[in-house]
Amino acid sequence: MKDFIIKTGKRILVLLLVVAVLFISIGGYQYLTVAVAPKYNPETMPLNFELMGSGDKDLVFIHGLTGSKNYWKRDLDTISGTHKLLLVDLLGFGDSPKPNSDYSLEMQLGALEAIISREGFDRGETLLVGHSMGAIIAVALLEKHPDWFRGAIAIGTPVYKHMGEFNDIMSEHSLFDRLTANKYSKYLCLLHPIFMTRIFKPENLSDDVFADANKHTWQSYYNSLNEIILDTDLYAIARNIGNKKVVFIHGDQDTTAPLVNAVKLANTVSNAEFLTVNGGDHQLFLKDPNIVWKAVTDFFG
């Protein structure tokens, strides 16, 4: 019996050592990938993008945290015949460059401005469409360049009263969300390849969207979460939008971005419309994209 206990203990110890080596190897590789990456250079690191559709109505689509331009490829034929679409991978996500940088709101705005201007989507009639973090960026772009855009549609806009509220909300989510919302999140993000495996896939994400969600670095995720989602003063931005129209679309079952906070933000925009989707969660677009396409059509009248 004693020999059995000793042998079992040794096997457990070996197993723990193997797991530890695996975690250290993955974390070390992820850290070095960022450490050796070049600093951001807007001249040599343009965003990855895709142009689709035709027509005289222009749309720019901005995905959320861990998303990509492919997030929007749902029933696009509904609008692609009458609208020209610019789908963008944000810096640090999708197939866009992933430099060793701070991933601040200003950096993302600058990278988007270059593509939007170069492709001619800055002529005053373009509608911005953003989801989650992309909604924050869309509203910030509208505030910064009111002469470039007709307005914005903000889907599932994440507004939090304070860090504690964000942590409380994430504590009810998936294991990955819980881990990346605690005080050790910067280090746990190094292990994101493990947590981005199918066993941790949220039910409301499609397979293709979840696959693209792995196309980021620990730095682009962690810094974007903190610099853009948690640290941006959305109320200050909203008050400066002027009379530009913003349509907020929010699910009443959104457990990621509190509905009541989004309503409060919309009330600070002088020309806002708020659409509440019954039964909609944070990924309401994936469930029924035609809700958004109808809002786009209605926006242009």
Protein backbone atom coordinates (compact mmCIF):
# COMPACT_ATOMS: atom_id res chain seq x y z
CA MET A 1 0.00 0.00 0.00
CA LYS A 2 2.82 2.33 0.92
CA ASP A 3 4.58 1.65 -2.39
CA PHE A 4 1.36 2.36 -4.28
CA ILE A 5 0.94 5.72 -2.55
CA ILE A 6 4.54 6.66 -3.30
CA LYS A 7 4.23 5.69 -6.98
CA THR A 8 0.92 7.55 -7.33
CA GLY A 9 2.43 10.62 -5.72
CA LYS A 10 5.36 10.54 -8.12
CA ARG A 11 3.05 10.25 -11.11
CA ILE A 12 0.99 13.20 -9.92
CA LEU A 13 4.17 15.20 -9.39
CA VAL A 14 5.39 14.38 -12.90
CA LEU A 15 2.02 15.35 -14.32
CA LEU A 16 2.06 18.65 -12.47
CA LEU A 17 5.58 19.36 -13.73
CA VAL A 18 4.52 18.61 -17.32
CA VAL A 19 1.53 20.95 -17.00
CA ALA A 20 3.75 23.64 -15.45
CA VAL A 21 6.29 23.35 -18.27
CA LEU A 22 3.47 23.55 -20.82
CA PHE A 23 2.03 26.70 -19.26
CA ILE A 24 5.46 28.32 -18.93
CA SER A 25 6.30 27.45 -22.54
CA ILE A 26 3.06 28.89 -23.91
CA GLY A 27 3.25 32.00 -21.73
CA GLY A 28 6.91 32.53 -22.54
CA TYR A 29 6.30 32.21 -26.26
CA GLN A 30 3.39 34.66 -26.12
CA TYR A 31 5.46 37.15 -24.13
CA LEU A 32 8.43 36.92 -26.50
CA THR A 33 6.18 37.29 -29.54
CA VAL A 34 5.17 40.72 -28.26
CA ALA A 35 8.59 41.63 -26.89
CA VAL A 36 10.34 41.18 -30.24
CA ALA A 37 7.55 42.75 -32.29
CA PRO A 38 8.35 46.18 -33.80
CA LYS A 39 6.85 49.36 -32.42
CA TYR A 40 3.82 50.72 -34.24
CA ASN A 41 4.63 52.66 -37.39
CA PRO A 42 1.52 54.01 -39.15
CA GLU A 43 3.48 54.47 -42.36
CA THR A 44 4.42 50.81 -42.71
CA MET A 45 1.61 49.08 -40.78
CA PRO A 46 -1.72 49.75 -42.51
CA LEU A 47 -4.79 47.97 -41.27
CA ASN A 48 -6.11 44.92 -43.04
CA PHE A 49 -9.44 45.69 -44.68
CA GLU A 50 -11.92 44.54 -47.30
CA LEU A 51 -14.15 46.49 -49.66
CA MET A 52 -17.51 45.00 -50.59
CA GLY A 53 -20.73 46.05 -52.25
CA SER A 54 -21.61 49.00 -54.45
CA GLY A 55 -23.80 52.07 -54.35
CA ASP A 56 -23.67 55.64 -53.13
CA LYS A 57 -24.28 54.83 -49.45
CA ASP A 58 -21.06 54.19 -47.56
CA LEU A 59 -20.63 52.07 -44.44
CA VAL A 60 -17.60 51.47 -42.21
CA PHE A 61 -17.75 48.45 -39.90
CA ILE A 62 -15.72 48.26 -36.67
CA HIS A 63 -15.63 44.99 -34.72
CA GLY A 64 -15.31 44.48 -30.98
CA LEU A 65 -12.61 43.08 -28.69
CA THR A 66 -11.05 39.88 -30.16
CA GLY A 67 -13.20 40.32 -33.28
CA SER A 68 -12.31 40.76 -36.94
CA LYS A 69 -13.82 42.12 -40.14
CA ASN A 70 -15.35 38.70 -40.74
CA TYR A 71 -17.70 39.27 -37.81
CA TRP A 72 -19.93 41.31 -40.12
CA LYS A 73 -20.29 38.74 -42.90
CA ARG A 74 -23.87 37.77 -42.15
CA ASP A 75 -26.53 38.18 -44.84
CA LEU A 76 -24.48 40.95 -46.43
CA ASP A 77 -26.40 40.60 -49.68
CA THR A 78 -29.21 42.41 -47.87
CA ILE A 79 -27.31 45.68 -48.16
CA SER A 80 -24.29 45.09 -50.40
CA GLY A 81 -26.30 45.82 -53.54
CA THR A 82 -27.08 49.38 -52.42
CA HIS A 83 -24.21 50.17 -50.04
CA LYS A 84 -20.44 50.30 -50.34
CA LEU A 85 -18.85 48.56 -47.33
CA LEU A 86 -15.47 49.00 -45.68
CA LEU A 87 -14.76 46.14 -43.27
CA VAL A 88 -11.68 46.64 -41.11
CA ASP A 89 -9.50 44.55 -38.81
CA LEU A 90 -8.50 46.79 -35.91
CA LEU A 91 -4.84 47.13 -35.01
CA GLY A 92 -3.78 44.04 -33.04
CA PHE A 93 -6.70 41.90 -34.20
CA GLY A 94 -7.68 39.75 -37.15
CA ASP A 95 -5.06 39.95 -39.88
CA SER A 96 -3.94 43.50 -39.08
CA PRO A 97 -0.44 44.17 -37.73
CA LYS A 98 0.22 43.38 -34.08
CA PRO A 99 2.98 45.76 -32.99
CA ASN A 100 4.46 46.15 -29.52
CA SER A 101 2.37 49.19 -28.59
CA ASP A 102 -0.12 50.60 -26.11
CA TYR A 103 -3.26 50.07 -28.24
CA SER A 104 -4.76 53.31 -27.02
CA LEU A 105 -7.95 54.81 -28.40
CA GLU A 106 -5.88 57.49 -30.15
CA MET A 107 -3.77 54.85 -31.87
CA GLN A 108 -6.80 52.95 -33.13
CA LEU A 109 -8.42 56.16 -34.35
CA GLY A 110 -5.29 57.15 -36.23
CA ALA A 111 -5.00 53.76 -37.93
CA LEU A 112 -8.66 53.88 -38.96
CA GLU A 113 -8.44 57.47 -40.17
CA ALA A 114 -5.68 56.53 -42.61
CA ILE A 115 -7.74 53.75 -44.22
CA ILE A 116 -11.03 55.66 -44.18
CA SER A 117 -9.46 58.71 -45.80
CA ARG A 118 -7.45 56.73 -48.36
CA GLU A 119 -10.48 54.74 -49.49
CA GLY A 120 -12.73 57.79 -49.76
CA PHE A 121 -15.08 57.09 -46.86
CA ASP A 122 -14.49 60.59 -45.42
CA ARG A 123 -16.85 62.60 -47.62
CA GLY A 124 -19.54 63.36 -45.08
CA GLU A 125 -22.16 60.72 -45.88
CA THR A 126 -20.56 57.60 -44.37
CA LEU A 127 -22.35 55.71 -41.61
CA LEU A 128 -20.20 54.10 -38.93
CA VAL A 129 -21.33 50.74 -37.51
CA GLY A 130 -19.56 49.42 -34.42
CA HIS A 131 -20.06 46.53 -32.02
CA SER A 132 -18.96 46.57 -28.36
CA MET A 133 -15.45 48.08 -28.28
CA GLY A 134 -16.05 48.98 -31.93
CA ALA A 135 -19.08 51.02 -30.83
CA ILE A 136 -16.84 53.08 -28.55
CA ILE A 137 -14.39 53.65 -31.40
CA ALA A 138 -17.20 54.53 -33.82
CA VAL A 139 -18.63 57.16 -31.46
CA ALA A 140 -15.14 58.57 -30.87
CA LEU A 141 -14.53 58.80 -34.63
CA LEU A 142 -17.85 60.59 -35.10
CA GLU A 143 -16.98 63.08 -32.37
CA LYS A 144 -13.52 63.70 -33.83
CA HIS A 145 -14.59 63.97 -37.48
CA PRO A 146 -18.21 65.15 -37.67
CA ASP A 147 -17.56 66.37 -41.23
CA TRP A 148 -16.53 62.86 -42.35
CA PHE A 149 -19.58 60.93 -41.17
CA ARG A 150 -23.34 61.05 -41.33
CA GLY A 151 -23.73 59.31 -37.99
CA ALA A 152 -23.16 56.04 -36.18
CA ILE A 153 -24.89 52.83 -35.14
CA ALA A 154 -23.56 51.55 -31.80
CA ILE A 155 -24.37 47.92 -30.98
CA GLY A 156 -23.93 46.57 -27.46
CA THR A 157 -22.02 49.63 -26.24
CA PRO A 158 -20.05 48.67 -23.09
CA VAL A 159 -20.39 51.35 -20.41
CA TYR A 160 -19.35 50.64 -16.83
CA LYS A 161 -19.77 52.83 -13.76
CA HIS A 162 -16.41 51.71 -12.41
CA MET A 163 -13.95 48.82 -12.51
CA GLY A 164 -15.81 47.04 -9.72
CA GLU A 165 -18.97 46.83 -11.80
CA PHE A 166 -17.02 45.35 -14.72
CA ASN A 167 -15.40 42.75 -12.45
CA ASP A 168 -18.75 41.82 -10.93
CA ILE A 169 -20.30 41.34 -14.38
CA MET A 170 -17.41 39.24 -15.65
CA SER A 171 -17.52 37.05 -12.54
CA GLU A 172 -20.77 35.59 -13.90
CA HIS A 173 -19.28 34.78 -17.31
CA SER A 174 -17.07 32.06 -18.77
CA LEU A 175 -13.89 30.89 -17.08
CA PHE A 176 -11.80 32.88 -19.57
CA ASP A 177 -13.76 36.09 -18.87
CA ARG A 178 -13.43 35.57 -15.12
CA LEU A 179 -9.68 35.04 -15.35
CA THR A 180 -9.05 38.02 -17.63
CA ALA A 181 -11.04 40.35 -15.39
CA ASN A 182 -9.10 39.81 -12.16
CA LYS A 183 -5.92 41.50 -10.92
CA TYR A 184 -3.75 38.83 -12.54
CA SER A 185 -5.37 39.26 -15.95
CA LYS A 186 -2.25 40.73 -17.57
CA TYR A 187 -0.38 37.50 -16.92
CA LEU A 188 -3.27 35.14 -17.60
CA CYS A 189 -3.72 36.76 -21.02
CA LEU A 190 -0.39 35.17 -21.89
CA LEU A 191 -2.21 31.83 -21.83
CA HIS A 192 -5.00 32.87 -24.18
CA PRO A 193 -4.20 30.08 -26.72
CA ILE A 194 -5.33 27.59 -24.06
CA PHE A 195 -8.53 29.45 -23.21
CA MET A 196 -9.37 30.02 -26.87
CA THR A 197 -9.85 26.29 -27.48
CA ARG A 198 -13.28 24.87 -28.26
CA ILE A 199 -13.95 23.68 -24.72
CA PHE A 200 -14.12 27.33 -23.60
CA LYS A 201 -16.18 28.58 -26.58
CA PRO A 202 -19.16 30.75 -25.50
CA GLU A 203 -22.51 29.50 -26.75
CA ASN A 204 -23.42 32.79 -28.45
CA LEU A 205 -20.35 32.83 -30.74
CA SER A 206 -20.35 31.10 -34.10
CA ASP A 207 -17.44 28.80 -34.96
CA ASP A 208 -15.89 31.20 -37.49
CA VAL A 209 -16.08 34.19 -35.15
CA PHE A 210 -14.55 32.16 -32.32
CA ALA A 211 -11.72 31.01 -34.62
CA ASP A 212 -10.89 34.62 -35.50
CA ALA A 213 -11.04 35.54 -31.80
CA ASN A 214 -7.67 33.84 -31.39
CA LYS A 215 -5.99 36.32 -33.75
CA HIS A 216 -4.64 38.72 -31.17
CA THR A 217 -1.78 39.01 -28.70
CA TRP A 218 -2.01 39.21 -24.94
CA GLN A 219 -0.95 42.85 -25.26
CA SER A 220 -3.54 43.88 -27.85
CA TYR A 221 -6.27 42.26 -25.74
CA TYR A 222 -5.20 43.51 -22.34
CA ASN A 223 -4.35 47.07 -23.44
CA SER A 224 -7.47 47.45 -25.57
CA LEU A 225 -9.66 46.28 -22.71
CA ASN A 226 -8.12 48.75 -20.29
CA GLU A 227 -7.24 51.68 -22.56
CA ILE A 228 -10.42 51.74 -24.65
CA ILE A 229 -13.24 49.90 -22.91
CA LEU A 230 -12.51 50.74 -19.28
CA ASP A 231 -10.65 54.07 -19.42
CA THR A 232 -12.48 55.98 -22.16
CA ASP A 233 -14.74 58.78 -20.92
CA LEU A 234 -17.68 57.97 -23.16
CA TYR A 235 -19.89 60.61 -21.58
CA ALA A 236 -17.46 63.38 -22.49
CA ILE A 237 -17.31 62.09 -26.07
CA ALA A 238 -21.10 61.75 -26.29
CA ARG A 239 -21.65 65.33 -25.12
CA ASN A 240 -19.37 66.62 -27.89
CA ILE A 241 -21.03 64.82 -30.78
CA GLY A 242 -23.37 67.71 -31.44
CA ASN A 243 -26.39 67.03 -33.62
CA LYS A 244 -24.97 63.98 -35.38
CA LYS A 245 -27.35 61.04 -35.09
CA VAL A 246 -26.39 57.94 -33.14
CA VAL A 247 -28.59 54.86 -33.10
CA PHE A 248 -27.95 52.61 -30.11
CA ILE A 249 -28.97 48.96 -30.48
CA HIS A 250 -28.91 46.89 -27.31
CA GLY A 251 -30.26 43.52 -26.24
CA ASP A 252 -32.33 43.35 -23.09
CA GLN A 253 -30.50 40.11 -22.21
CA ASP A 254 -27.02 41.57 -22.65
CA THR A 255 -25.06 40.33 -19.63
CA THR A 256 -21.78 41.86 -20.82
CA ALA A 257 -22.74 45.50 -21.39
CA PRO A 258 -25.45 46.67 -18.94
CA LEU A 259 -28.53 47.96 -20.75
CA VAL A 260 -29.24 50.63 -18.14
CA ASN A 261 -25.77 52.14 -18.58
CA ALA A 262 -26.15 52.26 -22.36
CA VAL A 263 -29.50 54.03 -22.00
CA LYS A 264 -27.90 56.59 -19.70
CA LEU A 265 -25.13 57.21 -22.23
CA ALA A 266 -27.65 57.61 -25.07
CA ASN A 267 -29.48 60.24 -23.05
CA THR A 268 -26.37 62.45 -23.21
CA VAL A 269 -26.40 62.42 -27.03
CA SER A 270 -28.56 65.23 -28.37
CA ASN A 271 -29.71 63.28 -31.43
CA ALA A 272 -29.94 59.68 -30.26
CA GLU A 273 -32.30 56.82 -30.97
CA PHE A 274 -32.37 53.73 -28.76
CA LEU A 275 -33.53 50.34 -30.03
CA THR A 276 -33.96 47.61 -27.43
CA VAL A 277 -33.96 44.09 -28.84
CA ASN A 278 -36.13 41.70 -26.85
CA GLY A 279 -34.19 38.54 -26.09
CA GLY A 280 -31.01 39.96 -27.58
CA ASP A 281 -27.66 39.34 -25.89
CA HIS A 282 -24.25 40.91 -26.50
CA GLN A 283 -23.97 39.04 -29.80
CA LEU A 284 -27.44 39.93 -31.07
CA PHE A 285 -26.02 40.64 -34.54
CA LEU A 286 -24.86 37.03 -34.92
CA LYS A 287 -28.31 35.78 -33.95
CA ASP A 288 -30.28 38.11 -36.21
CA PRO A 289 -28.19 40.39 -38.46
CA ASN A 290 -31.29 41.75 -40.16
CA ILE A 291 -32.01 43.82 -37.06
CA VAL A 292 -28.86 45.78 -37.84
CA TRP A 293 -29.40 45.83 -41.59
CA LYS A 294 -32.88 47.29 -41.09
CA ALA A 295 -31.41 49.95 -38.82
CA VAL A 296 -28.85 50.79 -41.52
CA THR A 297 -31.57 51.09 -44.17
CA ASP A 298 -33.77 53.21 -41.89
CA PHE A 299 -30.82 55.48 -41.05
CA PHE A 300 -30.38 56.44 -44.68
CA GLY A 301 -34.13 56.83 -45.06
